[in-house]
Amino acid sequence: MTRATAQEAPEDALQRRVRESQRVDERVKFIYNSEDWHRELAGAGSGLVVLEVRLHQLAQPWCPSCVLLRP
């Protein structure tokens, strides 16, 4: 990831942030069921998995991490 420099113009900084956001968006996976969840976890191996939950009903029985996050 590149860092801004003192000489970086505002437009260049904006373009850099857009490119960095696009790289993040390319790695986002949407999970719809337990098969998706287990496939992505297996595919990640020892890599980092970040879970962002966007549900009104937070805890799904097939999602152990969701159950742990239950209010």
C-alpha atoms as a PDB file:
ATOM      1  CA  MET A   1       0.000   0.000   0.000  1.00  0.00           C
ATOM      2  CA  THR A   2       1.361   3.402  -0.921  1.00  0.00           C
ATOM      3  CA  ARG A   3       1.569   6.287   1.495  1.00  0.00           C
ATOM      4  CA  ALA A   4       0.862   9.928   0.817  1.00  0.00           C
ATOM      5  CA  THR A   5       3.866  12.178   0.551  1.00  0.00           C
ATOM      6  CA  ALA A   6       4.163  15.861   1.323  1.00  0.00           C
ATOM      7  CA  GLN A   7       4.359  16.501  -2.417  1.00  0.00           C
ATOM      8  CA  GLU A   8       1.264  14.461  -3.276  1.00  0.00           C
ATOM      9  CA  ALA A   9      -1.368  16.621  -4.913  1.00  0.00           C
ATOM     10  CA  PRO A  10      -4.945  16.340  -3.605  1.00  0.00           C
ATOM     11  CA  GLU A  11      -6.098  14.770  -6.889  1.00  0.00           C
ATOM     12  CA  ASP A  12      -3.294  12.186  -6.700  1.00  0.00           C
ATOM     13  CA  ALA A  13      -4.257  11.373  -3.108  1.00  0.00           C
ATOM     14  CA  LEU A  14      -7.876  10.895  -4.165  1.00  0.00           C
ATOM     15  CA  GLN A  15      -6.897   8.611  -7.037  1.00  0.00           C
ATOM     16  CA  ARG A  16      -4.661   6.558  -4.712  1.00  0.00           C
ATOM     17  CA  ARG A  17      -7.510   6.123  -2.216  1.00  0.00           C
ATOM     18  CA  VAL A  18      -9.872   5.078  -5.016  1.00  0.00           C
ATOM     19  CA  ARG A  19      -7.370   2.441  -6.227  1.00  0.00           C
ATOM     20  CA  GLU A  20      -6.873   1.138  -2.668  1.00  0.00           C
ATOM     21  CA  SER A  21     -10.655   0.911  -2.155  1.00  0.00           C
ATOM     22  CA  GLN A  22     -11.048  -0.987  -5.416  1.00  0.00           C
ATOM     23  CA  ARG A  23      -8.455  -3.544  -4.291  1.00  0.00           C
ATOM     24  CA  VAL A  24     -10.374  -4.067  -1.054  1.00  0.00           C
ATOM     25  CA  ASP A  25     -13.707  -4.380  -2.910  1.00  0.00           C
ATOM     26  CA  GLU A  26     -12.203  -7.082  -5.154  1.00  0.00           C
ATOM     27  CA  ARG A  27     -11.550  -9.243  -2.090  1.00  0.00           C
ATOM     28  CA  VAL A  28     -15.012  -8.928  -0.514  1.00  0.00           C
ATOM     29  CA  LYS A  29     -17.084 -12.126  -0.509  1.00  0.00           C
ATOM     30  CA  PHE A  30     -20.778 -12.236   0.261  1.00  0.00           C
ATOM     31  CA  ILE A  31     -21.982 -15.111   2.447  1.00  0.00           C
ATOM     32  CA  TYR A  32     -25.560 -16.260   1.982  1.00  0.00           C
ATOM     33  CA  ASN A  33     -25.591 -19.687   3.641  1.00  0.00           C
ATOM     34  CA  SER A  34     -23.538 -22.173   5.611  1.00  0.00           C
ATOM     35  CA  GLU A  35     -22.008 -23.707   2.489  1.00  0.00           C
ATOM     36  CA  ASP A  36     -20.637 -20.292   1.452  1.00  0.00           C
ATOM     37  CA  TRP A  37     -19.321 -19.709   4.974  1.00  0.00           C
ATOM     38  CA  HIS A  38     -17.485 -23.041   5.197  1.00  0.00           C
ATOM     39  CA  ARG A  39     -16.111 -22.776   1.642  1.00  0.00           C
ATOM     40  CA  GLU A  40     -14.645 -19.317   2.286  1.00  0.00           C
ATOM     41  CA  LEU A  41     -13.169 -20.348   5.642  1.00  0.00           C
ATOM     42  CA  ALA A  42     -11.561 -23.406   4.082  1.00  0.00           C
ATOM     43  CA  GLY A  43     -10.258 -21.319   1.192  1.00  0.00           C
ATOM     44  CA  ALA A  44      -8.706 -18.786   3.548  1.00  0.00           C
ATOM     45  CA  GLY A  45      -6.550 -21.434   5.203  1.00  0.00           C
ATOM     46  CA  SER A  46      -4.451 -19.670   7.817  1.00  0.00           C
ATOM     47  CA  GLY A  47      -5.198 -16.252   6.289  1.00  0.00           C
ATOM     48  CA  LEU A  48      -7.147 -13.506   7.974  1.00  0.00           C
ATOM     49  CA  VAL A  49     -10.934 -13.610   7.660  1.00  0.00           C
ATOM     50  CA  VAL A  50     -12.887 -10.464   8.505  1.00  0.00           C
ATOM     51  CA  LEU A  51     -16.605 -10.843   9.121  1.00  0.00           C
ATOM     52  CA  GLU A  52     -18.907  -7.869   8.737  1.00  0.00           C
ATOM     53  CA  VAL A  53     -22.493  -8.640   9.661  1.00  0.00           C
ATOM     54  CA  ARG A  54     -25.317  -6.656   8.091  1.00  0.00           C
ATOM     55  CA  LEU A  55     -28.483  -8.223   9.396  1.00  0.00           C
ATOM     56  CA  HIS A  56     -31.456  -7.205  11.472  1.00  0.00           C
ATOM     57  CA  GLN A  57     -31.469 -10.737  12.860  1.00  0.00           C
ATOM     58  CA  LEU A  58     -27.861 -11.000  13.912  1.00  0.00           C
ATOM     59  CA  ALA A  59     -27.458 -14.624  14.987  1.00  0.00           C
ATOM     60  CA  GLN A  60     -27.797 -17.292  12.326  1.00  0.00           C
ATOM     61  CA  PRO A  61     -27.535 -20.868  13.618  1.00  0.00           C
ATOM     62  CA  TRP A  62     -25.081 -21.890  10.857  1.00  0.00           C
ATOM     63  CA  CYS A  63     -22.670 -19.026  11.645  1.00  0.00           C
ATOM     64  CA  PRO A  64     -20.661 -19.664  14.845  1.00  0.00           C
ATOM     65  CA  SER A  65     -19.051 -16.213  14.718  1.00  0.00           C
ATOM     66  CA  CYS A  66     -22.485 -14.576  14.374  1.00  0.00           C
ATOM     67  CA  VAL A  67     -23.735 -16.453  17.409  1.00  0.00           C
ATOM     68  CA  LEU A  68     -20.719 -15.213  19.381  1.00  0.00           C
ATOM     69  CA  LEU A  69     -21.530 -11.631  18.352  1.00  0.00           C
ATOM     70  CA  ARG A  70     -25.162 -11.883  19.465  1.00  0.00           C
ATOM     71  CA  PRO A  71     -26.173  -8.876  21.609  1.00  0.00           C
END
